[in-house]
């Protein structure tokens, strides 16, 4: 597949126009390779993922989070922000990021999150159309739903509020979704699942009487990676896509 065709394909899946204004999406690190035959897929471009891309012989690394988010003045091999980028550039490997545009896109992060949690008929809410709200197949107690979230996403979720009353209407926003608590409440959510929230936002959720499950930034967004690979493979263009073995949450649980 030609590089231009890969870029066009990603534009179909996650249109850049859906990205928030502050975001940095698309081709972050260019490559002189005209043909793309091996693409490594991960949530983050860490040095471990970059090393795996080199070892595997990847032509491109496709991630959710852009590695170069804010402006940098130096690309150094030992700087936390640029070490992975330096590694890719050294070996002629490209880097493409689909971030908030993949959050908002049909079949993107939040639709995938609804799928795995059994939230039916999700619809986009908010001006950006990123968050989703839908209905559980059957009402359940908040504590039971929180346990389901842990089973399906892994990690170590935390909860805010919640009673024994059954819930059925659930809003989701993968990643940092604490700022959309009022939006979820406004649209009738009886529970809200997101990756991470601030202390003050947890207090606000209790005031609004909206139970929240903080399920982990990585855990709520990694759900898009396998469906994304499946969608890319459906085009049958001879490209080999691989989910990075080295991609993982930066946090370790305390046992």
C-alpha atoms as a PDB file:
ATOM      1  CA  UNK A   1       0.000   0.000   0.000  1.00  0.00           C
ATOM      2  CA  UNK A   2       1.283   3.432  -0.878  1.00  0.00           C
ATOM      3  CA  UNK A   3       1.784   5.864   1.999  1.00  0.00           C
ATOM      4  CA  UNK A   4      -0.828   8.213   0.516  1.00  0.00           C
ATOM      5  CA  UNK A   5      -3.358   5.372   0.384  1.00  0.00           C
ATOM      6  CA  UNK A   6      -2.731   4.590   4.056  1.00  0.00           C
ATOM      7  CA  UNK A   7      -3.302   8.233   4.958  1.00  0.00           C
ATOM      8  CA  UNK A   8      -6.499   8.295   2.905  1.00  0.00           C
ATOM      9  CA  UNK A   9      -7.715   5.121   4.619  1.00  0.00           C
ATOM     10  CA  UNK A  10      -7.151   6.579   8.084  1.00  0.00           C
ATOM     11  CA  UNK A  11      -9.000   9.717   7.008  1.00  0.00           C
ATOM     12  CA  UNK A  12     -12.019   7.547   6.173  1.00  0.00           C
ATOM     13  CA  UNK A  13     -11.909   5.804   9.532  1.00  0.00           C
ATOM     14  CA  UNK A  14     -11.112   8.846  11.697  1.00  0.00           C
ATOM     15  CA  UNK A  15     -11.619  12.097   9.787  1.00  0.00           C
ATOM     16  CA  UNK A  16      -9.236  14.816  10.936  1.00  0.00           C
ATOM     17  CA  UNK A  17     -12.155  17.264  10.952  1.00  0.00           C
ATOM     18  CA  UNK A  18     -13.513  15.472  14.036  1.00  0.00           C
ATOM     19  CA  UNK A  19     -10.379  16.266  16.078  1.00  0.00           C
ATOM     20  CA  UNK A  20     -10.590  18.976  18.734  1.00  0.00           C
ATOM     21  CA  UNK A  21      -8.817  22.242  17.864  1.00  0.00           C
ATOM     22  CA  UNK A  22      -5.958  21.748  20.336  1.00  0.00           C
ATOM     23  CA  UNK A  23      -5.129  18.251  19.081  1.00  0.00           C
ATOM     24  CA  UNK A  24      -2.234  17.015  16.962  1.00  0.00           C
ATOM     25  CA  UNK A  25      -3.416  14.234  14.671  1.00  0.00           C
ATOM     26  CA  UNK A  26      -2.386  12.670  11.392  1.00  0.00           C
ATOM     27  CA  UNK A  27       1.145  11.968  10.188  1.00  0.00           C
ATOM     28  CA  UNK A  28       3.373  13.057  13.073  1.00  0.00           C
ATOM     29  CA  UNK A  29       6.644  11.577  11.809  1.00  0.00           C
ATOM     30  CA  UNK A  30       7.094  11.267   8.081  1.00  0.00           C
ATOM     31  CA  UNK A  31       8.932   8.515   6.260  1.00  0.00           C
ATOM     32  CA  UNK A  32      10.686   8.290   2.915  1.00  0.00           C
ATOM     33  CA  UNK A  33       9.249   4.815   2.387  1.00  0.00           C
ATOM     34  CA  UNK A  34       6.766   4.974  -0.465  1.00  0.00           C
ATOM     35  CA  UNK A  35       5.215   1.600   0.342  1.00  0.00           C
ATOM     36  CA  UNK A  36       3.676   0.669   3.688  1.00  0.00           C
ATOM     37  CA  UNK A  37       3.501  -3.065   4.331  1.00  0.00           C
ATOM     38  CA  UNK A  38       3.837  -3.440   8.123  1.00  0.00           C
ATOM     39  CA  UNK A  39       2.014  -1.245  10.669  1.00  0.00           C
ATOM     40  CA  UNK A  40       2.473  -1.624  14.421  1.00  0.00           C
ATOM     41  CA  UNK A  41      -0.593  -0.488  16.409  1.00  0.00           C
ATOM     42  CA  UNK A  42      -0.487   0.788  20.008  1.00  0.00           C
ATOM     43  CA  UNK A  43      -2.141   3.253  22.338  1.00  0.00           C
ATOM     44  CA  UNK A  44       1.114   5.126  23.017  1.00  0.00           C
ATOM     45  CA  UNK A  45       4.394   5.598  21.202  1.00  0.00           C
ATOM     46  CA  UNK A  46       6.693   4.633  24.081  1.00  0.00           C
ATOM     47  CA  UNK A  47      10.355   3.782  23.681  1.00  0.00           C
ATOM     48  CA  UNK A  48       9.364   0.137  24.130  1.00  0.00           C
ATOM     49  CA  UNK A  49       6.872   0.378  21.254  1.00  0.00           C
ATOM     50  CA  UNK A  50       9.450   2.178  19.099  1.00  0.00           C
ATOM     51  CA  UNK A  51      11.985  -0.581  19.782  1.00  0.00           C
ATOM     52  CA  UNK A  52       9.389  -3.211  18.903  1.00  0.00           C
ATOM     53  CA  UNK A  53       8.659  -1.393  15.642  1.00  0.00           C
ATOM     54  CA  UNK A  54      12.354  -1.491  14.767  1.00  0.00           C
ATOM     55  CA  UNK A  55      12.706  -5.176  15.685  1.00  0.00           C
ATOM     56  CA  UNK A  56       9.572  -6.164  13.749  1.00  0.00           C
ATOM     57  CA  UNK A  57      10.556  -4.150  10.693  1.00  0.00           C
ATOM     58  CA  UNK A  58       7.528  -1.862  10.766  1.00  0.00           C
ATOM     59  CA  UNK A  59       7.099   0.887   8.209  1.00  0.00           C
ATOM     60  CA  UNK A  60       4.614   2.813  10.355  1.00  0.00           C
ATOM     61  CA  UNK A  61       3.495   3.033  13.983  1.00  0.00           C
ATOM     62  CA  UNK A  62      -0.195   3.837  14.384  1.00  0.00           C
ATOM     63  CA  UNK A  63      -1.169   5.119  17.828  1.00  0.00           C
ATOM     64  CA  UNK A  64      -4.100   6.731  19.548  1.00  0.00           C
ATOM     65  CA  UNK A  65      -2.080   9.277  21.512  1.00  0.00           C
ATOM     66  CA  UNK A  66       0.182  11.638  19.539  1.00  0.00           C
ATOM     67  CA  UNK A  67       3.737  11.548  20.853  1.00  0.00           C
ATOM     68  CA  UNK A  68       4.477  15.173  19.934  1.00  0.00           C
ATOM     69  CA  UNK A  69       1.578  17.026  21.502  1.00  0.00           C
ATOM     70  CA  UNK A  70       3.121  20.326  22.541  1.00  0.00           C
ATOM     71  CA  UNK A  71       5.834  22.156  20.664  1.00  0.00           C
ATOM     72  CA  UNK A  72       9.367  20.824  21.148  1.00  0.00           C
ATOM     73  CA  UNK A  73      12.628  22.610  20.366  1.00  0.00           C
ATOM     74  CA  UNK A  74      14.915  19.589  20.364  1.00  0.00           C
ATOM     75  CA  UNK A  75      14.586  15.935  19.354  1.00  0.00           C
ATOM     76  CA  UNK A  76      16.995  14.072  21.605  1.00  0.00           C
ATOM     77  CA  UNK A  77      17.530  10.324  22.075  1.00  0.00           C
ATOM     78  CA  UNK A  78      17.352  10.582  25.874  1.00  0.00           C
ATOM     79  CA  UNK A  79      14.530  13.111  26.370  1.00  0.00           C
ATOM     80  CA  UNK A  80      11.256  11.590  27.664  1.00  0.00           C
ATOM     81  CA  UNK A  81       9.152  13.411  25.073  1.00  0.00           C
ATOM     82  CA  UNK A  82      11.319  12.704  22.030  1.00  0.00           C
ATOM     83  CA  UNK A  83      13.252   9.485  22.688  1.00  0.00           C
ATOM     84  CA  UNK A  84      10.722   7.283  20.877  1.00  0.00           C
ATOM     85  CA  UNK A  85      10.394   9.727  17.973  1.00  0.00           C
ATOM     86  CA  UNK A  86      14.184   9.872  17.644  1.00  0.00           C
ATOM     87  CA  UNK A  87      14.260   6.074  17.437  1.00  0.00           C
ATOM     88  CA  UNK A  88      11.673   6.018  14.639  1.00  0.00           C
ATOM     89  CA  UNK A  89      13.364   8.777  12.654  1.00  0.00           C
ATOM     90  CA  UNK A  90      16.730   6.999  12.955  1.00  0.00           C
ATOM     91  CA  UNK A  91      15.214   3.906  11.339  1.00  0.00           C
ATOM     92  CA  UNK A  92      12.991   5.677   8.799  1.00  0.00           C
ATOM     93  CA  UNK A  93       9.725   4.582  10.430  1.00  0.00           C
ATOM     94  CA  UNK A  94       6.654   6.809  10.271  1.00  0.00           C
ATOM     95  CA  UNK A  95       4.242   7.646  13.079  1.00  0.00           C
ATOM     96  CA  UNK A  96       0.535   8.349  12.609  1.00  0.00           C
ATOM     97  CA  UNK A  97      -1.839   9.356  15.427  1.00  0.00           C
ATOM     98  CA  UNK A  98      -5.644   9.290  15.522  1.00  0.00           C
ATOM     99  CA  UNK A  99      -6.618  10.888  18.822  1.00  0.00           C
ATOM    100  CA  UNK A 100      -9.778  12.903  19.527  1.00  0.00           C
ATOM    101  CA  UNK A 101     -10.903  12.235  15.965  1.00  0.00           C
ATOM    102  CA  UNK A 102     -10.859   8.509  16.768  1.00  0.00           C
ATOM    103  CA  UNK A 103     -12.651   9.242  20.064  1.00  0.00           C
ATOM    104  CA  UNK A 104     -15.476  10.897  18.146  1.00  0.00           C
ATOM    105  CA  UNK A 105     -15.548   8.719  15.026  1.00  0.00           C
ATOM    106  CA  UNK A 106     -18.203   6.079  14.418  1.00  0.00           C
ATOM    107  CA  UNK A 107     -16.745   2.788  15.600  1.00  0.00           C
ATOM    108  CA  UNK A 108     -14.030   4.660  17.480  1.00  0.00           C
ATOM    109  CA  UNK A 109     -12.952   4.633  21.117  1.00  0.00           C
ATOM    110  CA  UNK A 110     -16.277   5.365  22.742  1.00  0.00           C
ATOM    111  CA  UNK A 111     -18.371   3.147  20.506  1.00  0.00           C
ATOM    112  CA  UNK A 112     -15.865   0.362  21.221  1.00  0.00           C
ATOM    113  CA  UNK A 113     -16.168   1.075  24.949  1.00  0.00           C
ATOM    114  CA  UNK A 114     -19.948   0.780  24.716  1.00  0.00           C
ATOM    115  CA  UNK A 115     -19.611  -2.502  22.815  1.00  0.00           C
ATOM    116  CA  UNK A 116     -17.382  -4.152  25.379  1.00  0.00           C
ATOM    117  CA  UNK A 117     -19.521  -2.961  28.317  1.00  0.00           C
ATOM    118  CA  UNK A 118     -22.800  -4.075  26.749  1.00  0.00           C
ATOM    119  CA  UNK A 119     -24.221  -0.572  26.364  1.00  0.00           C
ATOM    120  CA  UNK A 120     -26.774  -0.707  23.567  1.00  0.00           C
ATOM    121  CA  UNK A 121     -27.839   1.897  21.001  1.00  0.00           C
ATOM    122  CA  UNK A 122     -25.195   4.499  21.943  1.00  0.00           C
ATOM    123  CA  UNK A 123     -25.629   8.024  20.649  1.00  0.00           C
ATOM    124  CA  UNK A 124     -23.126  10.878  20.611  1.00  0.00           C
ATOM    125  CA  UNK A 125     -23.657  13.707  23.092  1.00  0.00           C
ATOM    126  CA  UNK A 126     -22.049  17.117  23.486  1.00  0.00           C
ATOM    127  CA  UNK A 127     -20.983  19.652  20.883  1.00  0.00           C
ATOM    128  CA  UNK A 128     -17.883  17.658  19.966  1.00  0.00           C
ATOM    129  CA  UNK A 129     -19.852  14.409  19.653  1.00  0.00           C
ATOM    130  CA  UNK A 130     -17.211  12.458  21.550  1.00  0.00           C
ATOM    131  CA  UNK A 131     -19.050  11.097  24.603  1.00  0.00           C
ATOM    132  CA  UNK A 132     -21.703   8.405  24.193  1.00  0.00           C
ATOM    133  CA  UNK A 133     -24.835   7.447  26.101  1.00  0.00           C
ATOM    134  CA  UNK A 134     -26.846   4.265  25.771  1.00  0.00           C
ATOM    135  CA  UNK A 135     -28.832   1.642  27.643  1.00  0.00           C
ATOM    136  CA  UNK A 136     -27.837  -1.598  29.328  1.00  0.00           C
ATOM    137  CA  UNK A 137     -29.532  -4.757  28.090  1.00  0.00           C
ATOM    138  CA  UNK A 138     -31.077  -5.108  31.536  1.00  0.00           C
ATOM    139  CA  UNK A 139     -31.059  -2.857  34.609  1.00  0.00           C
ATOM    140  CA  UNK A 140     -28.523  -3.767  37.283  1.00  0.00           C
ATOM    141  CA  UNK A 141     -27.242  -2.417  40.551  1.00  0.00           C
ATOM    142  CA  UNK A 142     -24.415   0.074  40.234  1.00  0.00           C
ATOM    143  CA  UNK A 143     -22.096  -2.193  42.231  1.00  0.00           C
ATOM    144  CA  UNK A 144     -22.789  -5.073  39.849  1.00  0.00           C
ATOM    145  CA  UNK A 145     -22.139  -2.861  36.847  1.00  0.00           C
ATOM    146  CA  UNK A 146     -18.875  -1.645  38.405  1.00  0.00           C
ATOM    147  CA  UNK A 147     -17.820  -5.285  38.839  1.00  0.00           C
ATOM    148  CA  UNK A 148     -18.682  -5.929  35.171  1.00  0.00           C
ATOM    149  CA  UNK A 149     -16.502  -2.973  34.141  1.00  0.00           C
ATOM    150  CA  UNK A 150     -13.577  -4.404  36.097  1.00  0.00           C
ATOM    151  CA  UNK A 151     -14.025  -7.859  34.549  1.00  0.00           C
ATOM    152  CA  UNK A 152     -14.182  -6.570  30.998  1.00  0.00           C
ATOM    153  CA  UNK A 153     -11.609  -3.776  31.127  1.00  0.00           C
ATOM    154  CA  UNK A 154      -9.216  -5.055  33.766  1.00  0.00           C
ATOM    155  CA  UNK A 155      -7.200  -2.612  35.807  1.00  0.00           C
ATOM    156  CA  UNK A 156      -8.310  -1.283  39.180  1.00  0.00           C
ATOM    157  CA  UNK A 157     -11.449   0.841  38.795  1.00  0.00           C
ATOM    158  CA  UNK A 158     -12.607   3.266  41.497  1.00  0.00           C
ATOM    159  CA  UNK A 159     -16.159   4.406  42.045  1.00  0.00           C
ATOM    160  CA  UNK A 160     -17.783   7.633  43.163  1.00  0.00           C
ATOM    161  CA  UNK A 161     -21.232   7.496  44.750  1.00  0.00           C
ATOM    162  CA  UNK A 162     -23.795   4.870  43.842  1.00  0.00           C
ATOM    163  CA  UNK A 163     -26.677   3.248  45.663  1.00  0.00           C
ATOM    164  CA  UNK A 164     -28.488  -0.061  45.504  1.00  0.00           C
ATOM    165  CA  UNK A 165     -30.964   1.313  42.987  1.00  0.00           C
ATOM    166  CA  UNK A 166     -30.838  -0.286  39.521  1.00  0.00           C
ATOM    167  CA  UNK A 167     -29.319   1.659  36.640  1.00  0.00           C
ATOM    168  CA  UNK A 168     -29.867   1.283  32.917  1.00  0.00           C
ATOM    169  CA  UNK A 169     -28.843   4.557  31.239  1.00  0.00           C
ATOM    170  CA  UNK A 170     -25.034   4.859  31.062  1.00  0.00           C
ATOM    171  CA  UNK A 171     -22.731   7.490  29.563  1.00  0.00           C
ATOM    172  CA  UNK A 172     -19.102   6.807  28.653  1.00  0.00           C
ATOM    173  CA  UNK A 173     -16.033   8.792  27.697  1.00  0.00           C
ATOM    174  CA  UNK A 174     -12.712   6.995  27.391  1.00  0.00           C
ATOM    175  CA  UNK A 175      -9.610   8.697  28.746  1.00  0.00           C
ATOM    176  CA  UNK A 176      -9.861  11.944  30.723  1.00  0.00           C
ATOM    177  CA  UNK A 177     -13.586  12.546  30.969  1.00  0.00           C
ATOM    178  CA  UNK A 178     -14.015  14.289  34.300  1.00  0.00           C
ATOM    179  CA  UNK A 179     -14.975  17.527  32.589  1.00  0.00           C
ATOM    180  CA  UNK A 180     -18.100  15.970  31.067  1.00  0.00           C
ATOM    181  CA  UNK A 181     -19.852  14.888  34.269  1.00  0.00           C
ATOM    182  CA  UNK A 182     -22.493  17.612  33.959  1.00  0.00           C
ATOM    183  CA  UNK A 183     -23.018  16.719  30.302  1.00  0.00           C
ATOM    184  CA  UNK A 184     -23.663  13.093  31.212  1.00  0.00           C
ATOM    185  CA  UNK A 185     -26.118  14.103  33.933  1.00  0.00           C
ATOM    186  CA  UNK A 186     -27.884  16.532  31.589  1.00  0.00           C
ATOM    187  CA  UNK A 187     -28.535  13.727  29.104  1.00  0.00           C
ATOM    188  CA  UNK A 188     -30.096  11.469  31.697  1.00  0.00           C
ATOM    189  CA  UNK A 189     -27.187   9.221  32.608  1.00  0.00           C
ATOM    190  CA  UNK A 190     -27.710   7.107  35.718  1.00  0.00           C
ATOM    191  CA  UNK A 191     -24.024   6.167  35.749  1.00  0.00           C
ATOM    192  CA  UNK A 192     -20.900   7.418  34.008  1.00  0.00           C
ATOM    193  CA  UNK A 193     -17.787   5.488  32.964  1.00  0.00           C
ATOM    194  CA  UNK A 194     -14.574   7.322  32.172  1.00  0.00           C
ATOM    195  CA  UNK A 195     -10.840   6.814  32.424  1.00  0.00           C
ATOM    196  CA  UNK A 196      -9.851   9.398  34.993  1.00  0.00           C
ATOM    197  CA  UNK A 197     -11.309  12.316  36.924  1.00  0.00           C
ATOM    198  CA  UNK A 198      -9.936  14.969  39.264  1.00  0.00           C
ATOM    199  CA  UNK A 199     -10.654  15.095  42.990  1.00  0.00           C
ATOM    200  CA  UNK A 200     -12.859  18.172  42.571  1.00  0.00           C
ATOM    201  CA  UNK A 201     -14.775  16.485  39.742  1.00  0.00           C
ATOM    202  CA  UNK A 202     -15.480  13.477  41.946  1.00  0.00           C
ATOM    203  CA  UNK A 203     -16.943  15.832  44.542  1.00  0.00           C
ATOM    204  CA  UNK A 204     -19.060  17.471  41.830  1.00  0.00           C
ATOM    205  CA  UNK A 205     -20.363  14.061  40.749  1.00  0.00           C
ATOM    206  CA  UNK A 206     -21.526  13.356  44.293  1.00  0.00           C
ATOM    207  CA  UNK A 207     -23.318  16.695  44.422  1.00  0.00           C
ATOM    208  CA  UNK A 208     -25.037  15.852  41.121  1.00  0.00           C
ATOM    209  CA  UNK A 209     -25.798  12.350  42.423  1.00  0.00           C
ATOM    210  CA  UNK A 210     -24.228  10.786  39.362  1.00  0.00           C
ATOM    211  CA  UNK A 211     -22.360   7.558  40.161  1.00  0.00           C
ATOM    212  CA  UNK A 212     -19.031   7.416  38.366  1.00  0.00           C
ATOM    213  CA  UNK A 213     -16.657   4.569  37.556  1.00  0.00           C
ATOM    214  CA  UNK A 214     -13.080   5.739  37.044  1.00  0.00           C
ATOM    215  CA  UNK A 215     -11.799   2.764  35.076  1.00  0.00           C
ATOM    216  CA  UNK A 216      -8.336   3.894  33.973  1.00  0.00           C
ATOM    217  CA  UNK A 217      -7.167   5.997  31.036  1.00  0.00           C
ATOM    218  CA  UNK A 218      -5.362   3.143  29.336  1.00  0.00           C
ATOM    219  CA  UNK A 219      -8.085   0.596  30.073  1.00  0.00           C
ATOM    220  CA  UNK A 220     -10.918   2.703  28.649  1.00  0.00           C
ATOM    221  CA  UNK A 221      -9.063   3.502  25.428  1.00  0.00           C
ATOM    222  CA  UNK A 222      -7.172   0.315  24.594  1.00  0.00           C
ATOM    223  CA  UNK A 223     -10.540  -1.235  23.676  1.00  0.00           C
ATOM    224  CA  UNK A 224     -10.394   0.479  20.275  1.00  0.00           C
ATOM    225  CA  UNK A 225      -7.143  -1.111  19.103  1.00  0.00           C
ATOM    226  CA  UNK A 226      -8.333  -4.584  18.076  1.00  0.00           C
ATOM    227  CA  UNK A 227     -11.501  -3.272  16.345  1.00  0.00           C
ATOM    228  CA  UNK A 228      -9.360  -0.677  14.563  1.00  0.00           C
ATOM    229  CA  UNK A 229      -7.032  -3.384  13.281  1.00  0.00           C
ATOM    230  CA  UNK A 230     -10.025  -5.442  12.117  1.00  0.00           C
ATOM    231  CA  UNK A 231     -11.394  -2.471  10.196  1.00  0.00           C
ATOM    232  CA  UNK A 232      -8.036  -1.828   8.552  1.00  0.00           C
ATOM    233  CA  UNK A 233      -7.608  -5.496   7.640  1.00  0.00           C
ATOM    234  CA  UNK A 234     -11.045  -5.538   6.016  1.00  0.00           C
ATOM    235  CA  UNK A 235      -9.664  -3.428   3.160  1.00  0.00           C
ATOM    236  CA  UNK A 236      -7.425  -6.368   2.137  1.00  0.00           C
ATOM    237  CA  UNK A 237      -4.604  -4.233   0.787  1.00  0.00           C
ATOM    238  CA  UNK A 238      -1.787  -6.583   1.711  1.00  0.00           C
ATOM    239  CA  UNK A 239      -0.681  -4.599   4.757  1.00  0.00           C
ATOM    240  CA  UNK A 240       0.216  -6.543   7.887  1.00  0.00           C
ATOM    241  CA  UNK A 241      -1.132  -4.964  11.088  1.00  0.00           C
ATOM    242  CA  UNK A 242       0.133  -6.025  14.502  1.00  0.00           C
ATOM    243  CA  UNK A 243      -0.994  -5.076  18.004  1.00  0.00           C
ATOM    244  CA  UNK A 244       2.144  -4.089  19.884  1.00  0.00           C
ATOM    245  CA  UNK A 245       3.158  -6.626  22.520  1.00  0.00           C
ATOM    246  CA  UNK A 246       5.001  -3.906  24.441  1.00  0.00           C
ATOM    247  CA  UNK A 247       2.018  -1.542  24.739  1.00  0.00           C
ATOM    248  CA  UNK A 248       0.732  -1.397  28.314  1.00  0.00           C
ATOM    249  CA  UNK A 249      -0.485   0.904  31.053  1.00  0.00           C
ATOM    250  CA  UNK A 250       2.301   2.944  32.652  1.00  0.00           C
ATOM    251  CA  UNK A 251       0.835   2.108  36.083  1.00  0.00           C
ATOM    252  CA  UNK A 252       1.423  -1.038  38.111  1.00  0.00           C
ATOM    253  CA  UNK A 253      -1.149  -2.232  40.668  1.00  0.00           C
ATOM    254  CA  UNK A 254      -0.228  -2.513  44.335  1.00  0.00           C
ATOM    255  CA  UNK A 255      -0.799  -6.089  45.477  1.00  0.00           C
END
